C-alpha cells in the first residue's frame, strides 16, 4: 500500500515505485492534499480508516 499525495509529484512517485512493485502496490490517494495535511486536519483514526477502506 502506498499513501499518495494528491499532486503531480505524488503521482510521479507512485508511478516510479509502482513499476517494480506493480502487482503488490495499491495506492491510497489523499484527495485534496498530502498525507501529512490529511493527518493534521483529520487525525490518526481518519487516516487509519482511509487506509482500511482502500
N, C-alpha and C. Protein backbone atom coordinates (compact mmCIF):
# COMPACT_ATOMS: atom_id res chain seq x y z
N UNK A 1 0.84 -1.16 0.00
CA UNK A 1 0.00 0.00 0.00
C UNK A 1 0.89 1.23 0.00
N UNK A 2 0.50 2.23 -0.77
CA UNK A 2 1.26 3.47 -0.88
C UNK A 2 0.31 4.63 -0.63
N UNK A 3 0.61 5.45 0.36
CA UNK A 3 -0.16 6.66 0.60
C UNK A 3 0.37 7.73 -0.33
N UNK A 4 -0.45 8.13 -1.29
CA UNK A 4 -0.02 9.00 -2.38
C UNK A 4 -0.57 10.40 -2.21
N UNK A 5 0.33 11.40 -2.27
CA UNK A 5 -0.11 12.79 -2.27
C UNK A 5 -0.92 13.06 -3.52
N UNK A 6 -1.89 13.96 -3.39
CA UNK A 6 -2.80 14.28 -4.49
C UNK A 6 -2.25 15.47 -5.29
N UNK A 7 -1.07 15.25 -5.91
CA UNK A 7 -0.48 16.27 -6.77
C UNK A 7 0.41 15.59 -7.80
N UNK A 8 1.01 16.37 -8.66
CA UNK A 8 1.84 15.81 -9.73
C UNK A 8 3.04 15.04 -9.17
N UNK A 9 3.67 15.59 -8.15
CA UNK A 9 4.82 14.90 -7.56
C UNK A 9 4.41 13.56 -6.94
N UNK A 10 3.26 13.53 -6.28
CA UNK A 10 2.77 12.28 -5.71
C UNK A 10 2.48 11.24 -6.76
N UNK A 11 1.93 11.70 -7.88
CA UNK A 11 1.64 10.78 -8.99
C UNK A 11 2.93 10.22 -9.58
N UNK A 12 3.94 11.08 -9.73
CA UNK A 12 5.23 10.63 -10.26
C UNK A 12 5.88 9.61 -9.33
N UNK A 13 5.80 9.87 -8.01
CA UNK A 13 6.39 8.94 -7.06
C UNK A 13 5.67 7.59 -7.13
N UNK A 14 4.35 7.61 -7.17
CA UNK A 14 3.59 6.36 -7.24
C UNK A 14 3.91 5.59 -8.51
N UNK A 15 4.07 6.31 -9.60
CA UNK A 15 4.42 5.66 -10.87
C UNK A 15 5.80 5.03 -10.79
N UNK A 16 6.76 5.78 -10.23
CA UNK A 16 8.13 5.26 -10.13
C UNK A 16 8.20 4.04 -9.21
N UNK A 17 7.52 4.11 -8.08
CA UNK A 17 7.53 2.97 -7.16
C UNK A 17 6.69 1.82 -7.68
N UNK A 18 5.68 2.16 -8.44
CA UNK A 18 4.77 1.14 -8.94
C UNK A 18 5.35 0.22 -9.98
N UNK A 19 6.35 0.68 -10.70
CA UNK A 19 6.93 -0.17 -11.75
C UNK A 19 7.49 -1.47 -11.18
N UNK A 20 8.40 -1.42 -10.20
CA UNK A 20 8.92 -2.69 -9.70
C UNK A 20 7.96 -3.43 -8.77
N UNK A 21 6.97 -2.74 -8.24
CA UNK A 21 6.05 -3.35 -7.28
C UNK A 21 4.63 -3.49 -7.82
N UNK A 22 4.49 -3.38 -9.12
CA UNK A 22 3.18 -3.29 -9.78
C UNK A 22 2.13 -4.25 -9.24
N UNK A 23 2.45 -5.50 -9.07
CA UNK A 23 1.43 -6.46 -8.68
C UNK A 23 1.10 -6.40 -7.19
N UNK A 24 1.96 -5.77 -6.39
CA UNK A 24 1.75 -5.74 -4.95
C UNK A 24 1.43 -4.35 -4.40
N UNK A 25 1.34 -3.35 -5.24
CA UNK A 25 1.18 -1.98 -4.77
C UNK A 25 -0.25 -1.49 -4.98
N UNK A 26 -0.83 -0.96 -3.94
CA UNK A 26 -2.16 -0.39 -4.04
C UNK A 26 -2.10 1.05 -3.52
N UNK A 27 -2.22 2.04 -4.41
CA UNK A 27 -2.14 3.43 -3.96
C UNK A 27 -3.42 3.88 -3.24
N UNK A 28 -3.23 4.67 -2.19
CA UNK A 28 -4.32 5.32 -1.48
C UNK A 28 -4.09 6.81 -1.68
N UNK A 29 -4.90 7.45 -2.50
CA UNK A 29 -4.69 8.85 -2.86
C UNK A 29 -5.34 9.75 -1.81
N UNK A 30 -4.56 10.68 -1.30
CA UNK A 30 -5.05 11.65 -0.34
C UNK A 30 -5.73 12.79 -1.09
N UNK A 31 -7.01 12.71 -1.29
CA UNK A 31 -7.75 13.70 -2.05
C UNK A 31 -7.61 15.09 -1.45
N UNK A 32 -7.20 16.04 -2.27
CA UNK A 32 -7.12 17.43 -1.86
C UNK A 32 -5.87 17.82 -1.09
N UNK A 33 -4.86 17.00 -1.07
CA UNK A 33 -3.64 17.38 -0.35
C UNK A 33 -2.66 16.26 -0.24
N UNK A 34 -1.88 16.33 0.83
CA UNK A 34 -0.87 15.29 1.05
C UNK A 34 -1.18 14.53 2.33
N UNK A 35 -0.40 13.52 2.58
CA UNK A 35 -0.64 12.63 3.72
C UNK A 35 -0.54 13.41 5.02
N UNK A 36 0.47 14.24 5.16
CA UNK A 36 0.65 14.99 6.40
C UNK A 36 -0.51 15.94 6.66
N UNK A 37 -0.95 16.69 5.65
CA UNK A 37 -2.06 17.62 5.87
C UNK A 37 -3.35 16.87 6.18
N UNK A 38 -3.56 15.71 5.56
CA UNK A 38 -4.74 14.90 5.87
C UNK A 38 -4.69 14.48 7.34
N UNK A 39 -3.53 14.02 7.78
CA UNK A 39 -3.36 13.59 9.18
C UNK A 39 -3.58 14.76 10.13
N UNK A 40 -2.99 15.90 9.82
CA UNK A 40 -3.11 17.08 10.70
C UNK A 40 -4.56 17.55 10.81
N UNK A 41 -5.28 17.52 9.71
CA UNK A 41 -6.67 18.01 9.69
C UNK A 41 -7.67 17.00 10.23
N UNK A 42 -7.39 15.71 10.04
CA UNK A 42 -8.40 14.69 10.35
C UNK A 42 -8.02 13.73 11.47
N UNK A 43 -6.75 13.62 11.77
CA UNK A 43 -6.31 12.77 12.87
C UNK A 43 -5.97 11.35 12.46
N UNK A 44 -5.45 10.64 13.45
CA UNK A 44 -4.96 9.29 13.26
C UNK A 44 -6.06 8.31 12.84
N UNK A 45 -7.18 8.38 13.50
CA UNK A 45 -8.25 7.43 13.20
C UNK A 45 -8.81 7.61 11.79
N UNK A 46 -8.91 8.86 11.32
CA UNK A 46 -9.39 9.10 9.96
C UNK A 46 -8.41 8.56 8.93
N UNK A 47 -7.11 8.74 9.19
CA UNK A 47 -6.11 8.20 8.27
C UNK A 47 -6.16 6.68 8.28
N UNK A 48 -6.25 6.12 9.45
CA UNK A 48 -6.37 4.67 9.57
C UNK A 48 -7.61 4.16 8.82
N UNK A 49 -8.73 4.86 8.97
CA UNK A 49 -9.96 4.48 8.27
C UNK A 49 -9.82 4.56 6.76
N UNK A 50 -9.11 5.58 6.28
CA UNK A 50 -8.90 5.72 4.84
C UNK A 50 -8.07 4.55 4.30
N UNK A 51 -7.06 4.15 5.04
CA UNK A 51 -6.20 3.05 4.63
C UNK A 51 -7.00 1.74 4.63
N UNK A 52 -7.75 1.52 5.68
CA UNK A 52 -8.54 0.28 5.78
C UNK A 52 -9.58 0.21 4.68
N UNK A 53 -10.19 1.34 4.33
CA UNK A 53 -11.24 1.36 3.32
C UNK A 53 -10.71 1.13 1.90
N UNK A 54 -9.41 1.35 1.72
CA UNK A 54 -8.83 1.24 0.37
C UNK A 54 -8.72 -0.18 -0.10
